[in-house]
Each structure stands twice: as C-alpha cells, then as structure tokens.
Amino acid sequence: MLKNRTNLPKHSDFNPKVTLEAMLKPGDDTKRWNVNDAATITGYVRLVKPGEAETVNCMAKALPSRDTHIELVPKEGDGERSVVVIEVSPRIRAIMQKNGEDWSTEALEKRLKGQVITVQGWLFFDAEHTNAAETTHPGGAHNWRGTAWEIHPITSIQITPSK
C-alpha cells in the first residue's frame, strides 16, 4: 500500500512543480499530481497530532503504531481550509529511529509546532477526504483541509532557518 512505502525517493522521483501553494491551487485537483512522484514542500506547522486508528496500521491503538498527522499551511495564522496534511508512518518512524532520530509524535510536536519546515516524501491522494477538502468540495461546511493530496509518508524533515 502506498501509505506504507519505505523506499526513499530518488532525485528523479521529485516533481519540481509541486509546492505547497500549487497543492492548494483552487480547482478539482483529483488528477493534478501523480502518486508515483515525490515532492519537496515548505510551510508553517499549524498542528501535530496522532493519527486515528486506521486499517493501514492494523487498527493499532498504541501511538507508536499510528501515523503522525502534521498540518502544514502557507503561513502562521492560516486556517484549516489552507491545510496540506503531511504524515509520518510507523515504518518510516522506525527507520529514522535506527538512524538515531526521534520521529515520535510527541518529539515532532515539541520540535516542529510553530516552525517553518521543509519536508520531502511521496505524494498520496487520500480519496477518503475528498468530501472535506476545498479543492474537491469547494465551500463545504465541514471542510477541514485545502486538498486531499498529502505528502505521505514524509521521508525528510528540516526546520527552515528564520530570515
């Protein structure tokens, strides 16, 4: 399953047209990107939280076995309709732990919330959320994200230095 990829993207996998702003561009984006592409995007971390129990993670209840959801927006103060969801999967978290990096939800929240970050990872279209995204359900009363496209899983995170 695409959400559980563990291979790191190669240079040739990256689509240079993918930016946070391009991901949030109005209009039906169902076929705007390709799940075989990787992306590098930069934005402000609005929220970091544990993901829900999902079938992709065997309905695990324990936090280390669940995804970490990070809400990225263009700038501080932007609302939920500008959110691009990026996710850390348990499998990538384990790889990072072997490399001496703590990508637990708790550690990422402490380190990243309120920061501008640059992430890399695989593009994924989360069709379960088309009814809650501005690009696929414009003006929906219960929209909580800008697009159903995600970076999932994230394979690299860097805090962007302040200018």
Foldseek 3Di string as FASTA:
>chain_A
DLLPDDDDDDPVQADAVDELVVQLDAAQCPPVDDQSHKYKYKFAWADKDWDAQDVVLPRDPDQLSTKIWTWGAHYPPDFQLRTAIEIAHSNLQVVVVVVVDHPGSVVCRVPGHGFMKMWMAGKDQQVVCLCQACRNNNPRPRRRHPHSIHRRHTNDMDGDDDD
